[in-house]
Protein backbone atom coordinates (compact mmCIF):
# COMPACT_ATOMS: atom_id res chain seq x y z
CA UNK A 1 59.57 5.62 74.96
CA UNK A 2 60.26 4.16 71.20
CA UNK A 3 61.01 0.76 69.72
CA UNK A 4 64.27 1.12 67.73
CA UNK A 5 63.10 -1.29 65.02
CA UNK A 6 59.85 0.53 64.38
CA UNK A 7 60.30 4.00 66.03
CA UNK A 8 57.06 3.47 67.39
CA UNK A 9 55.70 4.69 70.59
CA UNK A 10 55.30 1.67 73.17
CA UNK A 11 52.28 3.19 74.67
CA UNK A 12 49.95 2.11 72.24
CA UNK A 13 47.24 -0.08 72.96
CA UNK A 14 48.04 -4.01 72.90
CA UNK A 15 46.03 -5.00 70.09
CA UNK A 16 47.54 -1.97 67.80
CA UNK A 17 51.08 -3.11 69.09
CA UNK A 18 50.36 -6.86 68.31
CA UNK A 19 49.64 -5.69 64.81
CA UNK A 20 52.63 -3.57 64.67
CA UNK A 21 54.88 -6.39 65.82
CA UNK A 22 53.07 -8.96 63.62
CA UNK A 23 54.98 -7.58 60.60
CA UNK A 24 58.42 -9.15 61.89
CA UNK A 25 57.66 -11.91 64.29
CA UNK A 26 60.70 -13.93 64.24
CA UNK A 27 62.75 -10.74 65.00
CA UNK A 28 60.82 -8.63 67.45
CA UNK A 29 58.02 -10.59 68.99
CA UNK A 30 60.33 -12.70 71.14
CA UNK A 31 62.36 -9.67 72.15
CA UNK A 32 60.22 -6.33 71.83
CA UNK A 33 56.93 -7.57 72.85
CA UNK A 34 57.35 -8.55 76.58
CA UNK A 35 59.26 -5.07 76.90
CA UNK A 36 56.46 -3.24 75.16
CA UNK A 37 53.99 -4.70 77.57
CA UNK A 38 56.04 -4.84 80.67
CA UNK A 39 58.14 -1.58 80.49
CA UNK A 40 61.56 -0.53 79.81
CA UNK A 41 63.38 -3.98 80.12
CA UNK A 42 63.65 -4.68 76.69
CA UNK A 43 67.13 -4.07 75.23
CA UNK A 44 65.66 -2.47 72.06
CA UNK A 45 63.58 -0.01 73.75
CA UNK A 46 65.65 3.27 74.72
CA UNK A 47 64.73 6.96 75.42
CA UNK A 48 64.31 9.27 72.42
CA UNK A 49 67.85 11.08 73.09
CA UNK A 50 69.59 7.72 72.91
CA UNK A 51 68.47 7.22 69.48
CA UNK A 52 70.85 4.95 67.14
CA UNK A 53 70.53 2.43 64.07
CA UNK A 54 71.37 -0.95 64.05
CA UNK A 55 73.49 -0.66 61.11
CA UNK A 56 76.26 -3.18 59.98
CA UNK A 57 79.61 -2.39 61.39
CA UNK A 58 78.06 -0.12 64.25
CA UNK A 59 80.90 -0.36 66.94
CA UNK A 60 78.74 0.17 69.81
CA UNK A 61 77.86 -2.22 72.13
CA UNK A 62 74.79 -4.08 71.37
CA UNK A 63 72.47 -5.85 74.06
CA UNK A 64 73.47 -9.58 74.26
CA UNK A 65 69.84 -10.54 73.62
CA UNK A 66 69.44 -8.69 70.54
CA UNK A 67 69.94 -10.60 67.44
CA UNK A 68 71.95 -9.26 64.30
CA UNK A 69 69.52 -8.00 61.37
CA UNK A 70 71.17 -7.20 58.10
CA UNK A 71 71.03 -3.46 56.76
CA UNK A 72 69.18 -4.85 53.73
CA UNK A 73 66.39 -6.79 55.84
CA UNK A 74 66.31 -3.83 58.11
CA UNK A 75 65.61 -1.53 54.78
CA UNK A 76 63.24 -3.96 53.36
CA UNK A 77 61.83 -4.07 56.95
CA UNK A 78 61.61 -0.24 57.27
CA UNK A 79 59.99 0.08 53.92
CA UNK A 80 57.71 -2.66 54.57
CA UNK A 81 56.83 -0.84 57.76
CA UNK A 82 56.39 2.37 56.08
CA UNK A 83 54.14 1.04 53.61
CA UNK A 84 52.07 -0.38 56.32
CA UNK A 85 52.18 2.91 58.28
CA UNK A 86 51.08 4.60 55.02
CA UNK A 87 48.42 2.07 54.67
CA UNK A 88 47.31 2.48 58.39
CA UNK A 89 47.45 6.39 57.88
CA UNK A 90 45.47 6.01 54.77
CA UNK A 91 43.07 3.72 56.69
CA UNK A 92 43.05 6.07 59.73
CA UNK A 93 42.65 9.09 57.39
CA UNK A 94 39.81 7.43 55.74
CA UNK A 95 38.31 6.50 59.02
CA UNK A 96 38.88 10.06 60.04
CA UNK A 97 37.25 11.26 56.96
CA UNK A 98 34.44 8.68 57.44
CA UNK A 99 34.09 10.21 61.06
CA UNK A 100 34.17 13.71 59.71
CA UNK A 101 31.53 12.92 57.20
CA UNK A 102 29.29 11.01 59.68
CA UNK A 103 29.62 14.13 62.05
CA UNK A 104 29.16 16.31 59.03
CA UNK A 105 25.93 13.99 57.93
CA UNK A 106 24.71 13.91 61.26
CA UNK A 107 25.10 17.72 61.91
CA UNK A 108 23.11 17.92 58.53
CA UNK A 109 20.76 15.76 59.53
CA UNK A 110 20.33 17.19 62.92
CA UNK A 111 20.04 20.67 61.33
CA UNK A 112 17.59 19.04 58.82
CA UNK A 113 15.50 17.62 61.59
CA UNK A 114 15.97 20.90 63.59
CA UNK A 115 14.48 22.46 60.41
CA UNK A 116 11.82 19.73 59.89
CA UNK A 117 10.97 20.29 63.45
CA UNK A 118 10.86 24.11 63.31
CA UNK A 119 8.87 23.89 60.26
CA UNK A 120 6.68 20.97 62.15
CA UNK A 121 6.24 23.40 65.03
CA UNK A 122 5.71 26.41 62.79
CA UNK A 123 2.73 24.43 61.17
CA UNK A 124 1.56 23.23 64.44
CA UNK A 125 1.46 26.73 65.63
CA UNK A 126 -0.18 27.76 62.41
CA UNK A 127 -2.85 25.13 62.99
CA UNK A 128 -3.10 26.13 66.64
CA UNK A 129 -3.38 30.03 65.52
CA UNK A 130 -5.92 29.02 62.79
CA UNK A 131 -7.68 27.07 65.05
CA UNK A 132 -7.77 29.98 67.60
CA UNK A 133 -8.56 32.28 65.08
CA UNK A 134 -11.67 29.82 63.83
CA UNK A 135 -12.87 29.71 67.47
CA UNK A 136 -12.34 33.43 68.00
CA UNK A 137 -14.02 33.84 64.71
CA UNK A 138 -16.87 31.30 65.80
CA UNK A 139 -17.44 33.38 68.97
CA UNK A 140 -17.29 36.56 67.22
CA UNK A 141 -20.07 35.21 65.04
CA UNK A 142 -22.08 33.90 67.75
CA UNK A 143 -21.73 37.24 69.63
CA UNK A 144 -22.92 39.06 66.56
CA UNK A 145 -25.69 36.59 65.96
CA UNK A 146 -27.10 36.86 69.52
CA UNK A 147 -26.66 40.51 69.42
CA UNK A 148 -28.53 40.53 66.19
CA UNK A 149 -31.26 37.93 67.34
CA UNK A 150 -31.31 40.36 70.74
CA UNK A 151 -32.08 43.09 68.33
CA UNK A 152 -34.55 41.52 66.38
CA UNK A 153 -36.05 40.19 69.36
CA UNK A 154 -36.28 43.62 70.87
CA UNK A 155 -37.69 44.77 67.79
CA UNK A 156 -40.30 42.12 67.69
CA UNK A 157 -41.28 43.16 71.08
CA UNK A 158 -41.28 46.51 70.00
CA UNK A 159 -43.88 45.82 67.16
CA UNK A 160 -45.75 43.59 69.36
CA UNK A 161 -46.07 46.02 71.95
CA UNK A 162 -46.98 48.83 69.24
CA UNK A 163 -49.45 46.28 67.88
CA UNK A 164 -50.71 45.75 71.59
CA UNK A 165 -50.92 49.63 71.96
CA UNK A 166 -52.62 50.37 68.69
CA UNK A 167 -55.14 47.43 69.75
CA UNK A 168 -55.62 49.08 73.03
CA UNK A 169 -55.89 52.63 71.59
CA UNK A 170 -58.31 50.94 68.89
CA UNK A 171 -60.39 49.56 71.46
CA UNK A 172 -60.43 52.67 73.65
CA UNK A 173 -61.32 54.61 70.61
CA UNK A 174 -63.97 52.23 69.69
CA UNK A 175 -65.09 52.52 73.23
CA UNK A 176 -64.69 56.44 73.09
CA UNK A 177 -66.50 56.53 70.13
CA UNK A 178 -69.40 54.15 71.18
CA UNK A 179 -69.48 56.54 74.17
CA UNK A 180 -69.77 59.50 72.18
CA UNK A 181 -72.20 58.10 69.74
CA UNK A 182 -74.51 56.82 72.61
CA UNK A 183 -74.23 60.42 74.18
CA UNK A 184 -75.12 61.72 70.87
CA UNK A 185 -77.76 59.27 70.72
CA UNK A 186 -79.13 60.08 73.93
CA UNK A 187 -78.97 63.79 73.13
CA UNK A 188 -80.87 62.95 69.88
CA UNK A 189 -83.31 61.15 71.74
CA UNK A 190 -83.70 63.64 74.23
CA UNK A 191 -83.82 66.34 71.72
CA UNK A 192 -86.35 64.19 69.85
CA UNK A 193 -88.30 63.40 72.89
CA UNK A 194 -88.34 67.31 73.71
CA UNK A 195 -89.41 67.76 70.58
CA UNK A 196 -92.11 65.02 70.54
CA UNK A 197 -93.19 66.56 74.01
CA UNK A 198 -93.47 69.89 72.58
CA UNK A 199 -95.53 68.85 69.76
CA UNK A 200 -97.52 66.69 72.15
CA UNK A 201 -97.92 69.60 74.43
CA UNK A 202 -98.47 71.96 71.56
CA UNK A 203 -100.91 69.64 70.23
CA UNK A 204 -102.54 69.25 73.71
CA UNK A 205 -102.58 73.07 73.94
CA UNK A 206 -104.15 73.32 70.44
CA UNK A 207 -106.71 70.86 71.81
CA UNK A 208 -107.33 72.73 75.10
CA UNK A 209 -107.56 75.82 72.72
CA UNK A 210 -109.90 74.42 70.73
CA UNK A 211 -111.98 73.06 73.01
CA UNK A 212 -111.81 76.22 75.08
CA UNK A 213 -112.67 78.08 71.89
CA UNK A 214 -115.64 75.70 71.17
CA UNK A 215 -116.74 76.11 74.84
CA UNK A 216 -116.28 79.94 74.16
CA UNK A 217 -118.13 79.54 71.07
CA UNK A 218 -120.75 77.48 72.59
CA UNK A 219 -121.12 80.12 75.64
CA UNK A 220 -120.91 82.78 73.11
CA UNK A 221 -123.58 81.07 70.99
CA UNK A 222 -125.58 80.10 73.93
CA UNK A 223 -125.25 84.00 75.20
CA UNK A 224 -126.19 84.89 71.68
CA UNK A 225 -129.26 82.58 71.73
CA UNK A 226 -130.29 83.39 75.37
CA UNK A 227 -129.99 87.16 73.92
CA UNK A 228 -131.76 86.17 70.77
CA UNK A 229 -134.55 84.60 72.98
CA UNK A 230 -134.78 87.13 75.22
CA UNK A 231 -134.98 89.73 72.46
CA UNK A 232 -137.78 87.53 71.12
CA UNK A 233 -139.34 87.17 74.39
CA UNK A 234 -139.26 90.86 74.65
CA UNK A 235 -140.72 91.35 71.45
CA UNK A 236 -143.42 88.68 71.91
CA UNK A 237 -143.88 90.25 75.20
CA UNK A 238 -144.37 93.74 73.31
CA UNK A 239 -146.73 92.29 71.19
CA UNK A 240 -148.77 90.64 73.66
CA UNK A 241 -148.95 94.05 75.68
CA UNK A 242 -150.02 95.98 72.69
CA UNK A 243 -152.32 93.46 71.58
CA UNK A 244 -153.92 92.97 74.74
């Protein structure tokens, strides 16, 4: 449904309609406003098909409650209304443009925010990754260090063991050497003792021999002496016999 004066849809919100009607209050407000609000009882509200102008000299029947509006005034009113509508349209377009720009800005800001958040997230992930890698590296280094320390410890233990074995071996060798030396010494001593005993025995034998020889010599000498004495005795006996 349309208001014939302003060619405006009457389904507009009340505040818009009031602004729209406030342009021609003396003419339209008492007549059109109640109809625009309450329904099709207003004589100026007709269907789109039943469209006509309130031109001067119009022979069609006008509603009795509709005042006569001269053509020049209607022209001015239409011009004024068109101007107002253009202004309104410009305002609406500016509003629409502002809204579009706001949307665009919001979109840009959202995009920017998403980008910032992605960047932030990437940075967070990078930090997390770096942290993880550092942790991993530390763990790897700790493992490596532990391995190195174990290796070092094993080496130290081997060296210690070797040293212990060397000491043990040296000790064993010294003991063995001592034993060998003792045996050698004992052998040497036995040999020496044997030699000494041999010498002693020899000496004893020599002494014995000398003694025996002396004894023998003495015996021989005694025998000789006896023989000599017997001979002498015989000789003296012979001498005595011849002399007697």
